[in-house]
Amino acid sequence: MSNATKNRKLKFLTLTIGGNPYTVQVKTWKITNNTDDGERFFVYVPSGTPITDGEFREQAEDDYALTVSFFSDWTVNGFSDYLVQNDQQTVAFQLDHHQDIPGEYVRWAGSVKIKAPEVGGDVRTTEQQEVTMQCVGKPTYTRP
């Protein structure tokens, strides 16, 4: 393993939601792990028992989200239109990252619950939107 610093600029991405490609509309994206550490419990432990610390942690449920900022697209089946038309539906997503760099190409895939984004903004500005969609379970992480 090298001690050299590795850094990359975010330049290439492939994003499909519900089987539809929306890459060219995307301005920013992130997958967030909101999973709690789980609840910590303590119990009384008599001396001489195998449990010495009297502590255990209840496992938390996976809680991930996909947040996307994008340029609005109200054409039929455009990203904005698709999100509004499919509000509250659960669909598949796939996000390919660094597919242009051999050895660094990674993919997240899973399901998200669609959420219609906010609409509107300041006059004479480029229309943009942001949406945070909750993942159903933990997205899979692979190296295609």
N, C-alpha and C. Protein backbone atom coordinates (compact mmCIF):
# COMPACT_ATOMS: atom_id res chain seq x y z
N MET A 1 0.85 -1.18 0.00
CA MET A 1 0.00 0.00 0.00
C MET A 1 0.88 1.23 0.00
N SER A 2 0.55 2.17 -0.83
CA SER A 2 1.33 3.39 -1.00
C SER A 2 0.92 4.46 0.02
N ASN A 3 1.88 5.27 0.40
CA ASN A 3 1.59 6.40 1.29
C ASN A 3 1.24 7.66 0.50
N ALA A 4 1.19 7.56 -0.82
CA ALA A 4 0.87 8.72 -1.65
C ALA A 4 -0.60 9.11 -1.51
N THR A 5 -0.86 10.39 -1.49
CA THR A 5 -2.23 10.89 -1.40
C THR A 5 -2.97 10.60 -2.70
N LYS A 6 -4.18 10.09 -2.57
CA LYS A 6 -5.03 9.84 -3.74
C LYS A 6 -6.16 10.85 -3.71
N ASN A 7 -6.39 11.50 -4.81
CA ASN A 7 -7.51 12.44 -4.90
C ASN A 7 -8.08 12.42 -6.30
N ARG A 8 -9.38 12.68 -6.38
CA ARG A 8 -10.09 12.68 -7.66
C ARG A 8 -11.11 13.80 -7.65
N LYS A 9 -11.31 14.39 -8.81
CA LYS A 9 -12.41 15.34 -8.97
C LYS A 9 -13.64 14.57 -9.42
N LEU A 10 -14.79 15.00 -8.95
CA LEU A 10 -16.04 14.38 -9.38
C LEU A 10 -16.34 14.88 -10.78
N LYS A 11 -16.29 13.98 -11.77
CA LYS A 11 -16.53 14.38 -13.15
C LYS A 11 -17.49 13.47 -13.89
N PHE A 12 -17.42 12.16 -13.61
CA PHE A 12 -18.22 11.21 -14.37
C PHE A 12 -19.14 10.44 -13.43
N LEU A 13 -20.34 10.22 -13.89
CA LEU A 13 -21.36 9.54 -13.10
C LEU A 13 -22.40 8.98 -14.05
N THR A 14 -22.94 7.84 -13.71
CA THR A 14 -24.11 7.32 -14.40
C THR A 14 -25.15 7.05 -13.33
N LEU A 15 -26.33 7.67 -13.46
CA LEU A 15 -27.41 7.50 -12.50
C LEU A 15 -28.67 7.09 -13.23
N THR A 16 -29.22 5.95 -12.82
CA THR A 16 -30.53 5.53 -13.33
C THR A 16 -31.46 5.35 -12.14
N ILE A 17 -32.68 5.83 -12.31
CA ILE A 17 -33.72 5.67 -11.30
C ILE A 17 -34.95 5.14 -12.00
N GLY A 18 -35.45 4.02 -11.52
CA GLY A 18 -36.59 3.39 -12.17
C GLY A 18 -36.29 2.97 -13.59
N GLY A 19 -35.02 2.67 -13.87
CA GLY A 19 -34.60 2.25 -15.22
C GLY A 19 -34.38 3.39 -16.18
N ASN A 20 -34.58 4.64 -15.74
CA ASN A 20 -34.41 5.81 -16.60
C ASN A 20 -33.08 6.50 -16.30
N PRO A 21 -32.31 6.86 -17.34
CA PRO A 21 -31.04 7.55 -17.12
C PRO A 21 -31.28 9.05 -16.89
N TYR A 22 -30.71 9.58 -15.80
CA TYR A 22 -30.86 11.01 -15.49
C TYR A 22 -29.52 11.69 -15.26
N THR A 23 -28.45 11.09 -15.70
CA THR A 23 -27.10 11.58 -15.44
C THR A 23 -26.90 13.03 -15.85
N VAL A 24 -27.31 13.41 -17.04
CA VAL A 24 -26.98 14.74 -17.54
C VAL A 24 -27.72 15.87 -16.82
N GLN A 25 -28.72 15.56 -16.02
CA GLN A 25 -29.43 16.58 -15.25
C GLN A 25 -28.78 16.83 -13.89
N VAL A 26 -27.92 15.90 -13.44
CA VAL A 26 -27.40 15.92 -12.07
C VAL A 26 -26.32 16.98 -11.89
N LYS A 27 -26.47 17.74 -10.82
CA LYS A 27 -25.49 18.77 -10.43
C LYS A 27 -24.66 18.29 -9.24
N THR A 28 -25.30 17.71 -8.22
CA THR A 28 -24.60 17.13 -7.07
C THR A 28 -25.34 15.87 -6.64
N TRP A 29 -24.63 15.00 -5.96
CA TRP A 29 -25.24 13.78 -5.45
C TRP A 29 -24.49 13.33 -4.22
N LYS A 30 -25.16 12.56 -3.39
CA LYS A 30 -24.49 11.91 -2.27
C LYS A 30 -25.36 10.79 -1.74
N ILE A 31 -24.69 9.75 -1.28
CA ILE A 31 -25.36 8.66 -0.57
C ILE A 31 -24.95 8.82 0.88
N THR A 32 -25.95 8.92 1.75
CA THR A 32 -25.69 9.18 3.16
C THR A 32 -26.08 7.98 4.01
N ASN A 33 -25.19 7.58 4.90
CA ASN A 33 -25.47 6.51 5.85
C ASN A 33 -25.96 7.17 7.14
N ASN A 34 -27.26 7.12 7.37
CA ASN A 34 -27.87 7.69 8.57
C ASN A 34 -28.12 6.65 9.65
N THR A 35 -27.53 5.47 9.50
CA THR A 35 -27.79 4.37 10.44
C THR A 35 -27.26 4.73 11.83
N ASP A 36 -28.12 4.60 12.83
CA ASP A 36 -27.71 4.82 14.22
C ASP A 36 -26.76 3.71 14.66
N ASP A 37 -26.09 3.93 15.77
CA ASP A 37 -25.19 2.92 16.32
C ASP A 37 -25.94 1.82 17.03
N GLY A 38 -27.20 1.98 17.25
CA GLY A 38 -27.98 0.99 17.99
C GLY A 38 -28.02 1.38 19.46
N GLU A 39 -29.06 0.93 20.13
CA GLU A 39 -29.22 1.30 21.53
C GLU A 39 -28.32 0.44 22.41
N ARG A 40 -27.70 1.09 23.38
CA ARG A 40 -26.76 0.43 24.30
C ARG A 40 -27.49 0.12 25.61
N PHE A 41 -27.35 -1.11 26.09
CA PHE A 41 -27.99 -1.54 27.32
C PHE A 41 -26.95 -2.07 28.30
N PHE A 42 -27.26 -1.94 29.58
CA PHE A 42 -26.40 -2.47 30.63
C PHE A 42 -27.24 -3.36 31.53
N VAL A 43 -26.63 -4.40 32.04
CA VAL A 43 -27.31 -5.30 32.97
C VAL A 43 -26.39 -5.55 34.16
N TYR A 44 -27.01 -5.93 35.28
CA TYR A 44 -26.22 -6.32 36.45
C TYR A 44 -25.60 -7.67 36.18
N VAL A 45 -24.33 -7.82 36.53
CA VAL A 45 -23.61 -9.06 36.27
C VAL A 45 -22.98 -9.55 37.58
N PRO A 46 -23.38 -10.73 38.04
CA PRO A 46 -22.73 -11.27 39.25
C PRO A 46 -21.29 -11.67 38.95
N SER A 47 -20.45 -11.57 39.93
CA SER A 47 -19.05 -11.96 39.71
C SER A 47 -18.97 -13.45 39.39
N GLY A 48 -17.99 -13.78 38.54
CA GLY A 48 -17.79 -15.17 38.15
C GLY A 48 -18.58 -15.60 36.94
N THR A 49 -19.39 -14.73 36.34
CA THR A 49 -20.12 -15.10 35.12
C THR A 49 -19.27 -14.78 33.90
N PRO A 50 -19.52 -15.46 32.78
CA PRO A 50 -18.71 -15.22 31.58
C PRO A 50 -18.86 -13.79 31.03
N ILE A 51 -19.99 -13.14 31.28
CA ILE A 51 -20.19 -11.77 30.81
C ILE A 51 -19.54 -10.85 31.85
N THR A 52 -18.51 -10.15 31.43
CA THR A 52 -17.77 -9.34 32.41
C THR A 52 -18.14 -7.87 32.38
N ASP A 53 -18.63 -7.38 31.27
CA ASP A 53 -18.89 -5.93 31.20
C ASP A 53 -20.35 -5.57 31.41
N GLY A 54 -21.27 -6.53 31.37
CA GLY A 54 -22.68 -6.23 31.59
C GLY A 54 -23.27 -5.30 30.55
N GLU A 55 -22.76 -5.34 29.34
CA GLU A 55 -23.20 -4.41 28.30
C GLU A 55 -23.51 -5.17 27.01
N PHE A 56 -24.53 -4.72 26.31
CA PHE A 56 -24.77 -5.21 24.96
C PHE A 56 -25.44 -4.09 24.16
N ARG A 57 -25.35 -4.20 22.85
CA ARG A 57 -25.90 -3.17 21.96
C ARG A 57 -26.90 -3.83 21.03
N GLU A 58 -28.10 -3.26 20.98
CA GLU A 58 -29.13 -3.74 20.07
C GLU A 58 -28.82 -3.18 18.69
N GLN A 59 -28.78 -4.03 17.69
CA GLN A 59 -28.42 -3.62 16.33
C GLN A 59 -29.50 -2.71 15.73
N ALA A 60 -29.08 -1.60 15.13
CA ALA A 60 -30.01 -0.67 14.49
C ALA A 60 -30.32 -1.12 13.06
N GLU A 61 -31.45 -0.68 12.55
CA GLU A 61 -31.83 -0.95 11.16
C GLU A 61 -31.02 -0.05 10.23
N ASP A 62 -30.68 -0.56 9.04
CA ASP A 62 -29.98 0.25 8.05
C ASP A 62 -30.84 1.44 7.65
N ASP A 63 -30.21 2.60 7.52
CA ASP A 63 -30.92 3.83 7.16
C ASP A 63 -30.03 4.65 6.23
N TYR A 64 -30.24 4.50 4.93
CA TYR A 64 -29.46 5.20 3.91
C TYR A 64 -30.38 6.11 3.10
N ALA A 65 -29.80 7.16 2.51
CA ALA A 65 -30.56 8.07 1.65
C ALA A 65 -29.71 8.47 0.45
N LEU A 66 -30.39 8.72 -0.66
CA LEU A 66 -29.76 9.24 -1.88
C LEU A 66 -30.28 10.65 -2.08
N THR A 67 -29.37 11.63 -2.07
CA THR A 67 -29.72 13.03 -2.30
C THR A 67 -29.17 13.45 -3.64
N VAL A 68 -30.02 14.08 -4.45
CA VAL A 68 -29.62 14.53 -5.79
C VAL A 68 -30.07 15.97 -5.98
N SER A 69 -29.13 16.84 -6.37
CA SER A 69 -29.47 18.20 -6.81
C SER A 69 -29.36 18.18 -8.33
N PHE A 70 -30.31 18.81 -9.01
CA PHE A 70 -30.34 18.68 -10.45
C PHE A 70 -31.02 19.88 -11.11
N PHE A 71 -30.76 20.03 -12.39
CA PHE A 71 -31.44 21.04 -13.19
C PHE A 71 -32.81 20.49 -13.56
N SER A 72 -33.84 21.26 -13.31
CA SER A 72 -35.21 20.82 -13.53
C SER A 72 -35.43 20.41 -14.98
N ASP A 73 -36.23 19.37 -15.17
CA ASP A 73 -36.58 18.89 -16.50
C ASP A 73 -38.03 18.44 -16.46
N TRP A 74 -38.91 19.30 -16.99
CA TRP A 74 -40.34 19.06 -16.97
C TRP A 74 -40.86 18.42 -18.26
N THR A 75 -39.95 17.96 -19.14
CA THR A 75 -40.42 17.25 -20.32
C THR A 75 -41.06 15.94 -19.88
N VAL A 76 -41.83 15.31 -20.75
CA VAL A 76 -42.47 14.04 -20.41
C VAL A 76 -41.39 13.04 -20.02
N ASN A 77 -41.50 12.48 -18.82
CA ASN A 77 -40.55 11.54 -18.24
C ASN A 77 -39.18 12.16 -17.94
N GLY A 78 -39.08 13.53 -18.01
CA GLY A 78 -37.87 14.20 -17.54
C GLY A 78 -37.75 13.97 -16.04
N PHE A 79 -36.61 14.28 -15.46
CA PHE A 79 -36.37 13.95 -14.06
C PHE A 79 -37.42 14.57 -13.13
N SER A 80 -37.71 15.86 -13.29
CA SER A 80 -38.71 16.52 -12.44
C SER A 80 -40.07 15.87 -12.61
N ASP A 81 -40.48 15.68 -13.86
CA ASP A 81 -41.77 15.05 -14.17
C ASP A 81 -41.84 13.64 -13.58
N TYR A 82 -40.79 12.87 -13.75
CA TYR A 82 -40.76 11.49 -13.25
C TYR A 82 -40.94 11.44 -11.73
N LEU A 83 -40.23 12.32 -11.01
CA LEU A 83 -40.32 12.32 -9.55
C LEU A 83 -41.72 12.68 -9.08
N VAL A 84 -42.36 13.67 -9.72
CA VAL A 84 -43.71 14.05 -9.32
C VAL A 84 -44.71 12.95 -9.67
N GLN A 85 -44.59 12.39 -10.86
CA GLN A 85 -45.52 11.34 -11.30
C GLN A 85 -45.41 10.06 -10.48
N ASN A 86 -44.23 9.82 -9.87
CA ASN A 86 -44.00 8.58 -9.14
C ASN A 86 -43.79 8.79 -7.64
N ASP A 87 -44.26 9.93 -7.13
CA ASP A 87 -44.12 10.24 -5.71
C ASP A 87 -44.61 9.07 -4.84
N GLN A 88 -43.78 8.69 -3.88
CA GLN A 88 -44.07 7.62 -2.90
C GLN A 88 -43.94 6.20 -3.46
N GLN A 89 -43.53 6.05 -4.71
CA GLN A 89 -43.31 4.72 -5.29
C GLN A 89 -41.89 4.25 -4.95
N THR A 90 -41.70 2.96 -4.82
CA THR A 90 -40.37 2.39 -4.59
C THR A 90 -39.86 1.83 -5.91
N VAL A 91 -38.67 2.30 -6.32
CA VAL A 91 -38.09 1.89 -7.60
C VAL A 91 -36.60 1.58 -7.41
N ALA A 92 -36.04 0.89 -8.38
CA ALA A 92 -34.62 0.56 -8.36
C ALA A 92 -33.78 1.78 -8.75
N PHE A 93 -32.57 1.85 -8.18
CA PHE A 93 -31.62 2.86 -8.63
C PHE A 93 -30.25 2.22 -8.78
N GLN A 94 -29.43 2.84 -9.61
CA GLN A 94 -28.04 2.41 -9.78
C GLN A 94 -27.20 3.65 -10.02
N LEU A 95 -26.11 3.74 -9.29
CA LEU A 95 -25.21 4.88 -9.42
C LEU A 95 -23.80 4.35 -9.65
N ASP A 96 -23.24 4.65 -10.83
CA ASP A 96 -21.89 4.23 -11.19
C ASP A 96 -20.96 5.43 -11.03
N HIS A 97 -19.86 5.22 -10.30
CA HIS A 97 -18.96 6.30 -9.92
C HIS A 97 -17.54 5.97 -10.36
N HIS A 98 -16.84 6.93 -10.94
CA HIS A 98 -15.45 6.77 -11.43
C HIS A 98 -15.33 5.64 -12.46
N GLN A 99 -16.36 5.48 -13.30
CA GLN A 99 -16.30 4.41 -14.29
C GLN A 99 -15.22 4.66 -15.34
N ASP A 100 -14.65 5.85 -15.37
CA ASP A 100 -13.59 6.18 -16.32
C ASP A 100 -12.19 5.88 -15.78
N ILE A 101 -12.08 5.41 -14.52
CA ILE A 101 -10.77 5.17 -13.91
C ILE A 101 -10.62 3.69 -13.58
N PRO A 102 -9.77 2.97 -14.32
CA PRO A 102 -9.57 1.54 -14.04
C PRO A 102 -9.14 1.34 -12.57
N GLY A 103 -9.75 0.35 -11.93
CA GLY A 103 -9.42 0.03 -10.55
C GLY A 103 -10.15 0.88 -9.51
N GLU A 104 -10.89 1.91 -9.96
CA GLU A 104 -11.61 2.77 -9.01
C GLU A 104 -13.11 2.83 -9.30
N TYR A 105 -13.53 2.14 -10.34
CA TYR A 105 -14.94 2.11 -10.73
C TYR A 105 -15.74 1.36 -9.67
N VAL A 106 -16.73 2.05 -9.07
CA VAL A 106 -17.58 1.43 -8.05
C VAL A 106 -19.04 1.72 -8.36
N ARG A 107 -19.92 0.89 -7.79
CA ARG A 107 -21.35 1.01 -8.06
C ARG A 107 -22.14 0.81 -6.77
N TRP A 108 -23.16 1.65 -6.59
CA TRP A 108 -24.16 1.45 -5.55
C TRP A 108 -25.47 1.14 -6.25
N ALA A 109 -26.19 0.16 -5.76
CA ALA A 109 -27.47 -0.19 -6.35
C ALA A 109 -28.42 -0.62 -5.24
N GLY A 110 -29.69 -0.37 -5.48
CA GLY A 110 -30.71 -0.75 -4.51
C GLY A 110 -32.05 -0.19 -4.91
N SER A 111 -32.86 0.09 -3.90
CA SER A 111 -34.18 0.67 -4.14
C SER A 111 -34.32 1.93 -3.32
N VAL A 112 -35.04 2.90 -3.87
CA VAL A 112 -35.35 4.15 -3.17
C VAL A 112 -36.84 4.41 -3.23
N LYS A 113 -37.32 5.13 -2.24
CA LYS A 113 -38.71 5.59 -2.24
C LYS A 113 -38.71 6.99 -2.83
N ILE A 114 -39.37 7.14 -3.98
CA ILE A 114 -39.41 8.42 -4.69
C ILE A 114 -40.11 9.47 -3.83
N LYS A 115 -39.56 10.66 -3.86
CA LYS A 115 -40.16 11.80 -3.17
C LYS A 115 -40.21 12.96 -4.15
N ALA A 116 -41.39 13.51 -4.35
CA ALA A 116 -41.51 14.66 -5.25
C ALA A 116 -40.72 15.84 -4.67
N PRO A 117 -39.93 16.53 -5.49
CA PRO A 117 -39.11 17.63 -4.99
C PRO A 117 -39.91 18.92 -4.83
N GLU A 118 -39.32 19.88 -4.13
CA GLU A 118 -39.91 21.22 -4.07
C GLU A 118 -39.85 21.84 -5.46
N VAL A 119 -40.75 22.78 -5.71
CA VAL A 119 -40.83 23.43 -7.01
C VAL A 119 -40.81 24.94 -6.80
N GLY A 120 -40.13 25.65 -7.69
CA GLY A 120 -40.14 27.11 -7.64
C GLY A 120 -38.75 27.68 -7.38
N GLY A 121 -38.69 29.00 -7.28
CA GLY A 121 -37.42 29.68 -7.03
C GLY A 121 -37.51 31.15 -7.39
N ASP A 122 -36.37 31.78 -7.44
CA ASP A 122 -36.29 33.21 -7.73
C ASP A 122 -36.48 33.47 -9.22
N VAL A 123 -37.08 34.59 -9.53
CA VAL A 123 -37.30 34.99 -10.91
C VAL A 123 -35.96 35.13 -11.65
N ARG A 124 -35.96 34.74 -12.90
CA ARG A 124 -34.81 34.86 -13.80
C ARG A 124 -33.57 34.09 -13.35
N THR A 125 -33.79 33.00 -12.64
CA THR A 125 -32.68 32.12 -12.29
C THR A 125 -32.91 30.77 -12.95
N THR A 126 -31.86 30.04 -13.14
CA THR A 126 -31.97 28.71 -13.72
C THR A 126 -32.67 27.80 -12.74
N GLU A 127 -33.73 27.14 -13.20
CA GLU A 127 -34.53 26.29 -12.32
C GLU A 127 -33.75 25.04 -11.92
N GLN A 128 -33.61 24.86 -10.61
CA GLN A 128 -32.92 23.72 -10.05
C GLN A 128 -33.75 23.15 -8.91
N GLN A 129 -33.53 21.87 -8.63
CA GLN A 129 -34.26 21.20 -7.56
C GLN A 129 -33.32 20.28 -6.80
N GLU A 130 -33.76 19.88 -5.61
CA GLU A 130 -33.02 18.90 -4.82
C GLU A 130 -34.02 17.96 -4.19
N VAL A 131 -33.67 16.69 -4.12
CA VAL A 131 -34.55 15.70 -3.51
C VAL A 131 -33.71 14.71 -2.72
N THR A 132 -34.21 14.33 -1.57
CA THR A 132 -33.60 13.27 -0.77
C THR A 132 -34.58 12.11 -0.74
N MET A 133 -34.12 10.97 -1.25
CA MET A 133 -34.96 9.78 -1.30
C MET A 133 -34.39 8.74 -0.35
N GLN A 134 -35.25 8.16 0.48
CA GLN A 134 -34.82 7.15 1.43
C GLN A 134 -34.60 5.82 0.70
N CYS A 135 -33.47 5.20 1.00
CA CYS A 135 -33.18 3.88 0.44
C CYS A 135 -33.95 2.82 1.23
N VAL A 136 -34.33 1.76 0.55
CA VAL A 136 -34.97 0.63 1.19
C VAL A 136 -33.83 -0.33 1.54
N GLY A 137 -33.46 -0.38 2.81
CA GLY A 137 -32.31 -1.19 3.23
C GLY A 137 -31.01 -0.52 2.85
N LYS A 138 -29.96 -1.30 2.87
CA LYS A 138 -28.61 -0.82 2.56
C LYS A 138 -28.31 -1.06 1.08
N PRO A 139 -27.90 -0.02 0.34
CA PRO A 139 -27.54 -0.25 -1.07
C PRO A 139 -26.33 -1.18 -1.15
N THR A 140 -26.30 -1.98 -2.21
CA THR A 140 -25.14 -2.84 -2.42
C THR A 140 -24.01 -2.03 -3.05
N TYR A 141 -22.82 -2.34 -2.65
CA TYR A 141 -21.60 -1.68 -3.15
C TYR A 141 -20.77 -2.74 -3.84
N THR A 142 -20.49 -2.52 -5.14
CA THR A 142 -19.72 -3.50 -5.91
C THR A 142 -18.69 -2.79 -6.78
N ARG A 143 -17.80 -3.59 -7.32
CA ARG A 143 -16.82 -3.15 -8.31
C ARG A 143 -17.11 -3.91 -9.61
N PRO A 144 -17.83 -3.27 -10.51
CA PRO A 144 -18.21 -3.95 -11.76
C PRO A 144 -17.02 -4.36 -12.61
